[in-house]
Structure formats: structure tokens, C-alpha cells
Amino acid sequence: MHAIVTLVSFLVFAVVVIAFVTRASQRVARLAWLLTLTLVLGGGVTMMVAHSFVAKWGFRGDSPHDGLAAMIEGKASRPFVYRRLTPDVVGLVSDFVAPRVPQSISQYLVERSPLGRYRATWGSGEVWTPSTALTFHVAFVVFWFALFGALVSGSALICVVRACPWFDGLITATVAMCLVPLMFVNGGYLYDSTELWLWSTLLLVAMRGPLPLLPIVFGLMIANKESALLGVPALFPLVARRTTLRTAGLWCLGLAVIGVGWIVFVRHRYADQNGDNMAWLLVTNLDFWTHVSSYFKFGTPYTPILPAPRGGNLLLILLAFLPLRFGWPSVRRDVRLATAIILSILVPLFLTSGATDEVRAFGLAYPLVFLVCVEGATKLRSRLEAPQQRA
């Protein structure tokens, strides 16, 4: 009976799809195709990125320092315990779903799920119960969904800045998403993809969206990671381009008040937790960056025979700085100013508090640097094509 129902359902779905394809206008068909392409291409690429992340880090397993369970329960060490949004979402969804999951599915998640290969806590086996297995899967879905949201927001940013069709923006953002695993080579956390998504969305709102959404998106972002406060100055030139300097200043001041208020609250709430508000690693970082070998290091995020350049590797530096150089003069002035502002804040912080070449610390700079690099890559491509056209 089940097979018959499945067959009938498939036939009905096929008839509906065929009827839509044969009767839809070109405009409707184009929108449907772009939506399907976004879901299939974007969803597939971001799923691969999510797998590469969890294969490398496994949400830190049962670690009491910064593991998934400790983060959800609010028992992780400072400053990790301050990052509340993503762990709270995972915890709430898990609590809501748990009573509604059939026993057979719970057993499948514990014993036969493909994600079971990723359960680890820094090399030792992670014990899964039906509850912990469900939480792990929810965390994976949340991480993937945020990556997909970041890809969509990145595509929209490209369309806004370069005034190009959605297809061009989607393909460009998809290529960029393929490079995201490189930011996880030497460190990665559950909330990183959410930060990338919310920050890309906040930039999009500042450039084109309704400005009243700024405090809402920023509120979510600061609850996800307190370093969101550092991004406020970079929003000023983007908002000023469409309003006035005074209006942009007032918006940024309001966001700064929200950010400072949250940081004071969350630090007071978790003041008794182990750890520190911020790590100071200047001596370690200076020692690392003054060694020539630091610029030729590789990591293994996928398999031992597929090495990937770490954050300080010359390959990544060339990959970023060549298009950055050629894109800098021609990109929109407000984007250029915003990029300069965020880098002037993050570079010193990276040297004082970053973990050697853990480039995920530049997360707030990624969308803006991405926009400049796209402009530069376009310039480089046009210069390569020019001799061929003359010939």
C-alpha cells in the first residue's frame, strides 16, 4: 500500500510540474528556474561546506570548555559562553522536536546516521544518546541553513553593488562559498556561519533594505557574537550614501548603544564562568608571523592527501590581495571606505587576540573584501581577454 501511495504521489507531482513547464510564461519560468537553481546549486555547495566544517571540528564534542552541550547549557568558558544566539536556537529547536521524534528515527540518528562519523571531541569518541544525537543533527542543520542564508545574502550584495542579474550574483557567491572551508582550517565554531549570514544581511540592509531593520538584524548579530559591535563603524559610509551624514551617525549610535548594552548584560550574567573576556596573544602571534615557515603552512580539512593552505600561506595571500589591489580603485566609494574601516579595526585585534593564522577572526571583513575582490577579479579577467580580442 505504501508503494502505491508513493507511486501515485510521484505521478501527481510529475503531472503538476509538466503542466507548469508547458504553460508558464517566460517571465514566470525564469523566476522558477532561478529559484530552483538557487536551491539546488546553493544548497548543494553550502551542504558540502557544512560537512567540511563538521568533519574538521565536530562542534567540539563534549568539551566543557566550548563544546556543543556546554554552549547550550550556558556552562562554557568565557568568552564562548557570551555567544548565545546560535546555541540557544539549537537548544530550543531540539527541546521542541525531541518529544515528537518517533523511536525509530531516534534509533537511526544514534546508530546509522551519516553524521555519526563526525562525533568526536578532540580525537576521542563522543557518546551519543537519543538526546545528544538529535541536538548534534539540529546543530548541523542550523549551521548549514546559516551558510545557505549567507550565500543568498552574498548574491544579493553582488547584485546591489555591481547592478548585475541574479544569475551572475549567485554564481559569483557560490564560487566564493567554495573558499569558506579555508577559514576553518585552523579554527571554527558553531556560531561562525550565523555571523557570516547576519553580517552579510546587515550590510545588505544598510545598502538597500529598510533601515528600521538595522537594529533587528544587529540585535540578533550581537547576541550571536559580541564582536559584532566592531562592525558598526563600517556601516556608517554605507548608510550615509543613501541618507545624510547626520542620519547615518544617529543610526550607528543607536546600534552602538544596543551593542554595548548587550555586552554589559552578558558579561555580568556569566561573570562567574571560567575563562577571560578576551585572549591576549600578541607575543605568540609576533613569534608566529616573524617566522618564514608560517607563510607556507598547510592544513588537512578534508583528507590527509588533500592539503589546504592555512590562513598565512602565500597562496591565500596572493589569492586575496591580487584582486583586492585591482578592485580597490574601481569599487564603490562607500564599499571601499567600509572595507578600510573594518580592516583598520580587525587587523590590530587579530595581532593581539587572534590565534596565530586563525583567519576566521576576519569574519566581519569577508563580505566587504569579497565585494572588492569581485570587482578586482572582473578587472583581471577583462585585461586577460583584451589581448585575445585585439588578436
Protein backbone atom coordinates (compact mmCIF):
# COMPACT_ATOMS: atom_id res chain seq x y z
CA MET A 1 0.00 0.00 0.00
CA HIS A 2 2.83 2.36 0.88
CA ALA A 3 4.47 1.74 -2.51
CA ILE A 4 1.22 2.51 -4.31
CA VAL A 5 0.75 5.78 -2.43
CA THR A 6 4.35 6.78 -3.21
CA LEU A 7 3.90 5.99 -6.92
CA VAL A 8 0.63 7.92 -7.16
CA SER A 9 2.13 10.89 -5.34
CA PHE A 10 5.10 10.94 -7.70
CA LEU A 11 2.84 10.77 -10.76
CA VAL A 12 0.69 13.63 -9.50
CA PHE A 13 3.77 15.72 -8.78
CA ALA A 14 5.19 14.95 -12.23
CA VAL A 15 1.92 16.00 -13.91
CA VAL A 16 1.89 19.27 -11.98
CA VAL A 17 5.49 20.02 -12.94
CA ILE A 18 4.91 19.21 -16.62
CA ALA A 19 1.76 21.33 -16.70
CA PHE A 20 3.64 24.25 -15.13
CA VAL A 21 6.57 23.96 -17.55
CA THR A 22 4.38 23.82 -20.65
CA ARG A 23 2.00 26.64 -19.63
CA ALA A 24 4.22 29.09 -17.73
CA SER A 25 5.18 32.39 -19.33
CA GLN A 26 8.83 33.13 -19.97
CA ARG A 27 8.99 35.51 -17.01
CA VAL A 28 7.44 33.03 -14.58
CA ALA A 29 9.59 30.21 -15.96
CA ARG A 30 12.71 32.35 -15.49
CA LEU A 31 11.83 33.10 -11.86
CA ALA A 32 11.06 29.44 -11.19
CA TRP A 33 14.32 28.33 -12.80
CA LEU A 34 16.41 30.85 -10.83
CA LEU A 35 14.71 29.79 -7.60
CA THR A 36 15.38 26.13 -8.39
CA LEU A 37 18.98 26.87 -9.32
CA THR A 38 19.48 28.76 -6.07
CA LEU A 39 18.07 25.89 -4.02
CA VAL A 40 19.96 23.15 -5.87
CA LEU A 41 23.31 24.85 -6.53
CA GLY A 42 23.40 26.98 -3.40
CA GLY A 43 22.00 24.26 -1.19
CA GLY A 44 24.45 21.67 -2.52
CA VAL A 45 27.56 23.82 -2.18
CA THR A 46 26.67 25.04 1.32
CA MET A 47 25.93 21.47 2.38
CA MET A 48 29.43 20.45 1.28
CA VAL A 49 30.88 23.38 3.24
CA ALA A 50 28.87 22.35 6.31
CA HIS A 51 30.20 18.79 6.01
CA SER A 52 33.78 20.04 5.70
CA PHE A 53 33.31 22.10 8.85
CA VAL A 54 31.79 19.39 10.99
CA ALA A 55 34.33 16.84 9.71
CA LYS A 56 37.10 19.09 10.99
CA TRP A 57 35.62 20.29 14.29
CA GLY A 58 32.53 18.21 15.17
CA PHE A 59 31.02 21.08 17.24
CA ARG A 60 33.76 20.45 19.82
CA GLY A 61 32.00 17.32 21.10
CA ASP A 62 31.64 17.05 24.87
CA SER A 63 34.32 19.62 25.67
CA PRO A 64 33.36 21.55 28.84
CA HIS A 65 35.39 24.49 27.53
CA ASP A 66 33.46 25.23 24.32
CA GLY A 67 31.59 22.06 23.35
CA LEU A 68 28.05 21.98 22.00
CA ALA A 69 26.39 20.78 25.22
CA ALA A 70 28.26 23.31 27.38
CA MET A 71 27.37 26.13 24.98
CA ILE A 72 23.66 25.25 25.00
CA GLU A 73 23.54 24.93 28.79
CA GLY A 74 25.41 28.20 29.30
CA LYS A 75 28.25 26.45 31.11
CA ALA A 76 31.04 27.00 28.59
CA SER A 77 34.07 29.10 29.43
CA ARG A 78 34.27 32.80 28.74
CA PRO A 79 34.19 34.32 26.13
CA PHE A 80 32.48 31.42 24.32
CA VAL A 81 29.53 31.42 26.70
CA TYR A 82 28.76 35.00 25.63
CA ARG A 83 27.76 33.80 22.12
CA ARG A 84 24.14 32.92 22.89
CA LEU A 85 22.00 33.14 19.75
CA THR A 86 23.03 30.04 17.80
CA PRO A 87 23.38 27.67 20.80
CA ASP A 88 20.02 28.89 22.16
CA VAL A 89 18.34 28.29 18.79
CA VAL A 90 19.78 24.78 18.66
CA GLY A 91 18.68 24.08 22.21
CA LEU A 92 15.13 25.42 21.72
CA VAL A 93 14.61 23.53 18.45
CA SER A 94 15.98 20.33 19.99
CA ASP A 95 13.68 20.63 23.02
CA PHE A 96 10.70 21.25 20.75
CA VAL A 97 11.44 18.38 18.37
CA ALA A 98 12.58 15.75 20.90
CA PRO A 99 9.13 14.71 22.23
CA ARG A 100 7.80 14.47 18.66
CA VAL A 101 10.53 12.25 17.18
CA PRO A 102 9.48 8.59 16.69
CA GLN A 103 11.59 5.94 18.37
CA SER A 104 12.69 4.54 15.02
CA ILE A 105 14.12 7.89 13.92
CA SER A 106 15.89 8.38 17.25
CA GLN A 107 17.49 4.98 16.85
CA TYR A 108 18.51 5.84 13.30
CA LEU A 109 20.15 9.10 14.41
CA VAL A 110 22.17 7.31 17.08
CA GLU A 111 23.19 4.19 15.15
CA ARG A 112 23.03 4.75 11.38
CA SER A 113 23.08 8.48 10.59
CA PRO A 114 25.86 9.53 8.18
CA LEU A 115 26.69 12.34 10.60
CA GLY A 116 27.72 9.73 13.15
CA ARG A 117 31.17 9.65 11.57
CA TYR A 118 31.73 13.21 12.83
CA ARG A 119 31.08 12.65 16.52
CA ALA A 120 34.33 13.49 18.22
CA THR A 121 35.74 15.65 20.94
CA TRP A 122 39.30 16.45 20.02
CA GLY A 123 40.08 12.91 18.89
CA SER A 124 38.18 10.83 21.47
CA GLY A 125 34.84 9.18 20.86
CA GLU A 126 31.72 11.15 21.72
CA VAL A 127 28.95 9.20 23.44
CA TRP A 128 25.59 9.68 21.74
CA THR A 129 22.24 9.25 23.42
CA PRO A 130 18.99 9.93 21.54
CA SER A 131 19.03 13.44 23.01
CA THR A 132 22.64 14.30 22.17
CA ALA A 133 22.35 12.78 18.70
CA LEU A 134 19.26 14.88 17.95
CA THR A 135 21.00 18.02 19.22
CA PHE A 136 24.01 17.32 17.01
CA HIS A 137 21.79 16.95 13.93
CA VAL A 138 19.86 20.12 14.76
CA ALA A 139 23.15 21.97 15.13
CA PHE A 140 24.26 20.70 11.73
CA VAL A 141 21.03 21.86 10.09
CA VAL A 142 21.28 25.29 11.76
CA PHE A 143 24.90 25.64 10.65
CA TRP A 144 24.01 24.67 7.07
CA PHE A 145 20.94 26.91 6.94
CA ALA A 146 23.03 29.90 8.04
CA LEU A 147 25.57 29.14 5.31
CA PHE A 148 22.77 29.00 2.74
CA GLY A 149 21.43 32.31 4.05
CA ALA A 150 24.91 33.81 3.75
CA LEU A 151 25.12 32.66 0.14
CA VAL A 152 21.76 34.24 -0.69
CA SER A 153 22.71 37.49 1.06
CA GLY A 154 26.08 37.47 -0.69
CA SER A 155 24.38 37.03 -4.06
CA ALA A 156 22.11 39.97 -3.29
CA LEU A 157 25.09 42.11 -2.26
CA ILE A 158 26.76 41.44 -5.60
CA CYS A 159 23.57 42.37 -7.45
CA VAL A 160 23.27 45.63 -5.48
CA VAL A 161 26.90 46.74 -5.79
CA ARG A 162 27.51 45.66 -9.39
CA ALA A 163 23.96 46.09 -10.73
CA CYS A 164 24.07 42.62 -12.28
CA PRO A 165 21.41 39.90 -12.75
CA TRP A 166 20.67 37.38 -10.00
CA PHE A 167 22.30 34.59 -12.03
CA ASP A 168 25.65 36.40 -12.05
CA GLY A 169 25.40 37.20 -8.35
CA LEU A 170 24.51 33.62 -7.49
CA ILE A 171 27.37 32.07 -9.46
CA THR A 172 29.87 34.53 -8.01
CA ALA A 173 28.69 33.96 -4.43
CA THR A 174 28.74 30.19 -4.97
CA VAL A 175 32.36 30.29 -6.10
CA ALA A 176 33.21 32.37 -3.02
CA MET A 177 31.37 29.91 -0.77
CA CYS A 178 33.65 27.15 -2.05
CA LEU A 179 36.53 29.02 -0.39
CA VAL A 180 34.80 29.31 3.00
CA PRO A 181 36.24 26.00 4.33
CA LEU A 182 39.67 27.63 4.21
CA MET A 183 38.59 29.92 7.04
CA PHE A 184 38.03 26.84 9.21
CA VAL A 185 41.46 25.26 8.66
CA ASN A 186 42.83 26.47 11.99
CA GLY A 187 39.62 27.06 13.97
CA GLY A 188 35.85 27.02 13.66
CA TYR A 189 32.77 27.32 15.85
CA LEU A 190 29.05 26.68 15.59
CA TYR A 191 28.20 30.39 15.51
CA ASP A 192 30.60 31.30 12.66
CA SER A 193 28.13 30.64 9.83
CA THR A 194 25.42 32.61 11.63
CA GLU A 195 27.80 35.55 11.99
CA LEU A 196 28.57 35.46 8.26
CA TRP A 197 24.86 35.31 7.38
CA LEU A 198 23.71 38.07 9.72
CA TRP A 199 26.60 40.39 8.85
CA SER A 200 26.01 39.94 5.10
CA THR A 201 22.33 40.64 5.68
CA LEU A 202 23.11 43.70 7.80
CA LEU A 203 25.33 45.10 5.03
CA LEU A 204 22.55 44.45 2.53
CA VAL A 205 20.02 46.31 4.67
CA ALA A 206 22.46 49.22 5.09
CA MET A 207 22.94 49.45 1.32
CA ARG A 208 19.42 48.87 0.04
CA GLY A 209 16.95 47.49 2.58
CA PRO A 210 14.56 49.21 5.01
CA LEU A 211 16.70 50.97 7.61
CA PRO A 212 14.32 50.11 10.51
CA LEU A 213 15.55 46.53 10.06
CA LEU A 214 19.05 47.56 11.11
CA PRO A 215 18.50 47.30 14.89
CA ILE A 216 16.64 43.99 14.49
CA VAL A 217 19.35 42.30 12.44
CA PHE A 218 22.10 43.85 14.55
CA GLY A 219 20.37 42.74 17.75
CA LEU A 220 20.46 39.15 16.52
CA MET A 221 24.04 39.55 15.43
CA ILE A 222 25.31 40.96 18.73
CA ALA A 223 23.51 38.16 20.59
CA ASN A 224 25.30 35.68 18.33
CA LYS A 225 28.77 37.12 18.94
CA GLU A 226 29.77 40.20 20.88
CA SER A 227 32.38 41.22 18.30
CA ALA A 228 29.50 42.42 16.10
CA LEU A 229 29.96 45.77 17.83
CA LEU A 230 33.20 46.20 15.87
CA GLY A 231 31.26 46.27 12.61
CA VAL A 232 29.15 49.32 13.48
CA PRO A 233 31.64 51.96 12.21
CA ALA A 234 31.81 50.19 8.84
CA LEU A 235 28.06 50.69 8.38
CA PHE A 236 28.40 54.47 8.51
CA PRO A 237 29.54 55.12 4.90
CA LEU A 238 27.01 52.61 3.55
CA VAL A 239 24.06 54.28 5.30
CA ALA A 240 25.40 57.79 4.60
CA ARG A 241 25.42 57.08 0.86
CA ARG A 242 21.62 56.78 0.83
CA THR A 243 20.77 59.26 3.61
CA THR A 244 22.84 62.03 5.22
CA LEU A 245 25.89 62.04 7.45
CA ARG A 246 23.76 63.03 10.45
CA THR A 247 21.20 60.30 9.85
CA ALA A 248 23.91 57.69 9.36
CA GLY A 249 25.59 58.82 12.56
CA LEU A 250 22.36 58.51 14.53
CA TRP A 251 21.69 55.01 13.21
CA CYS A 252 25.22 53.89 14.07
CA LEU A 253 24.99 55.50 17.52
CA GLY A 254 21.77 53.60 18.18
CA LEU A 255 23.36 50.31 17.13
CA ALA A 256 26.39 51.03 19.32
CA VAL A 257 24.11 51.58 22.33
CA ILE A 258 22.40 48.24 21.66
CA GLY A 259 25.77 46.51 21.35
CA VAL A 260 27.28 47.99 24.47
CA GLY A 261 24.12 47.24 26.44
CA TRP A 262 24.19 43.58 25.40
CA ILE A 263 27.90 43.18 26.20
CA VAL A 264 27.45 44.67 29.68
CA PHE A 265 24.48 42.38 30.30
CA VAL A 266 26.05 39.15 29.07
CA ARG A 267 29.35 39.75 30.83
CA HIS A 268 27.55 40.41 34.09
CA ARG A 269 25.36 37.34 33.69
CA TYR A 270 28.29 34.98 33.11
CA ALA A 271 30.86 36.74 35.28
CA ASP A 272 31.37 33.63 37.41
CA GLN A 273 32.27 31.35 34.48
CA ASN A 274 35.82 30.17 33.93
CA GLY A 275 37.97 31.89 31.34
CA ASP A 276 38.58 35.51 30.33
CA ASN A 277 36.67 38.16 28.42
CA MET A 278 39.38 38.21 25.76
CA ALA A 279 42.57 36.33 24.99
CA TRP A 280 45.83 38.30 24.71
CA LEU A 281 48.23 36.55 22.34
CA LEU A 282 50.40 39.34 20.98
CA VAL A 283 53.74 37.72 21.87
CA THR A 284 52.66 34.36 20.41
CA ASN A 285 51.41 36.00 17.23
CA LEU A 286 54.53 38.10 16.72
CA ASP A 287 56.65 34.99 17.13
CA PHE A 288 54.47 33.15 14.59
CA TRP A 289 54.38 35.88 11.93
CA THR A 290 58.12 36.60 12.11
CA HIS A 291 58.97 33.02 11.06
CA VAL A 292 59.22 32.41 7.31
CA SER A 293 57.77 28.91 7.67
CA SER A 294 54.46 30.41 8.85
CA TYR A 295 53.79 31.57 5.29
CA PHE A 296 54.00 28.06 3.84
CA LYS A 297 51.83 26.05 6.23
CA PHE A 298 49.08 23.68 5.10
CA GLY A 299 46.16 22.09 6.92
CA THR A 300 44.05 19.00 6.17
CA PRO A 301 40.35 19.88 6.38
CA TYR A 302 39.25 17.06 4.08
CA THR A 303 41.72 14.18 3.87
CA PRO A 304 45.46 13.83 4.52
CA ILE A 305 46.17 13.76 0.77
CA LEU A 306 44.19 16.94 0.04
CA PRO A 307 46.03 19.66 1.96
CA ALA A 308 44.67 23.19 2.11
CA PRO A 309 46.68 26.37 2.66
CA ARG A 310 46.36 27.83 6.15
CA GLY A 311 45.48 31.46 6.77
CA GLY A 312 49.01 32.82 6.44
CA ASN A 313 50.00 30.78 3.41
CA LEU A 314 51.31 32.85 0.49
CA LEU A 315 48.81 31.14 -1.83
CA LEU A 316 45.89 32.61 0.09
CA ILE A 317 47.60 35.98 0.38
CA LEU A 318 48.05 36.15 -3.39
CA LEU A 319 44.52 34.85 -3.97
CA ALA A 320 43.09 37.72 -1.91
CA PHE A 321 45.49 40.60 -2.48
CA LEU A 322 45.79 40.50 -6.28
CA PRO A 323 42.07 41.08 -6.95
CA LEU A 324 41.95 43.38 -3.91
CA ARG A 325 44.61 45.57 -5.49
CA PHE A 326 42.86 45.88 -8.85
CA GLY A 327 39.37 46.15 -7.40
CA TRP A 328 40.18 48.81 -4.82
CA PRO A 329 40.28 51.85 -7.17
CA SER A 330 37.08 50.97 -9.04
CA VAL A 331 34.71 49.60 -6.40
CA ARG A 332 32.01 51.88 -4.99
CA ARG A 333 33.47 54.54 -2.70
CA ASP A 334 31.23 53.65 0.25
CA VAL A 335 32.21 49.98 -0.01
CA ARG A 336 35.87 50.97 -0.15
CA LEU A 337 35.53 53.14 2.96
CA ALA A 338 33.62 50.44 4.84
CA THR A 339 36.30 47.88 3.95
CA ALA A 340 39.09 50.19 5.10
CA ILE A 341 37.29 50.89 8.38
CA ILE A 342 36.64 47.25 9.26
CA LEU A 343 40.18 46.17 8.34
CA SER A 344 41.69 49.00 10.41
CA ILE A 345 39.78 47.60 13.39
CA LEU A 346 40.30 43.87 12.80
CA VAL A 347 44.00 43.80 11.85
CA PRO A 348 45.28 45.13 15.22
CA LEU A 349 42.76 42.94 17.05
CA PHE A 350 43.90 39.94 15.05
CA LEU A 351 47.51 40.54 16.08
CA THR A 352 46.70 41.00 19.77
CA SER A 353 43.97 38.37 20.26
CA GLY A 354 43.88 36.07 17.23
CA ALA A 355 45.15 32.50 17.40
CA THR A 356 48.14 32.78 15.02
CA ASP A 357 46.67 32.30 11.50
CA GLU A 358 43.07 31.63 12.54
CA VAL A 359 41.65 33.82 9.76
CA ARG A 360 38.07 33.25 10.84
CA ALA A 361 38.80 36.24 13.09
CA PHE A 362 38.39 38.33 9.93
CA GLY A 363 34.79 37.14 9.54
CA LEU A 364 33.41 40.70 9.64
CA ALA A 365 35.70 41.68 6.76
CA TYR A 366 34.83 38.79 4.47
CA PRO A 367 31.68 40.17 2.76
CA LEU A 368 33.26 43.58 2.12
CA VAL A 369 36.60 42.16 0.94
CA PHE A 370 34.56 39.78 -1.20
CA LEU A 371 32.86 42.71 -2.94
CA VAL A 372 36.19 44.41 -3.63
CA CYS A 373 37.77 41.17 -4.87
CA VAL A 374 34.87 40.51 -7.23
CA GLU A 375 35.47 43.91 -8.77
CA GLY A 376 39.18 43.18 -9.00
CA ALA A 377 38.67 39.72 -10.48
CA THR A 378 36.45 41.28 -13.14
CA LYS A 379 39.21 43.76 -13.96
CA LEU A 380 41.80 41.00 -14.17
CA ARG A 381 39.57 38.94 -16.43
CA SER A 382 38.92 41.88 -18.76
CA ARG A 383 42.66 42.55 -19.03
CA LEU A 384 43.31 38.91 -19.89
CA GLU A 385 40.59 38.95 -22.54
CA ALA A 386 41.73 42.24 -24.11
CA PRO A 387 44.77 40.80 -25.97
CA GLN A 388 42.62 37.96 -27.33
CA GLN A 389 40.02 40.41 -28.61
CA ARG A 390 42.69 42.53 -30.35
CA ALA A 391 44.11 39.39 -31.96
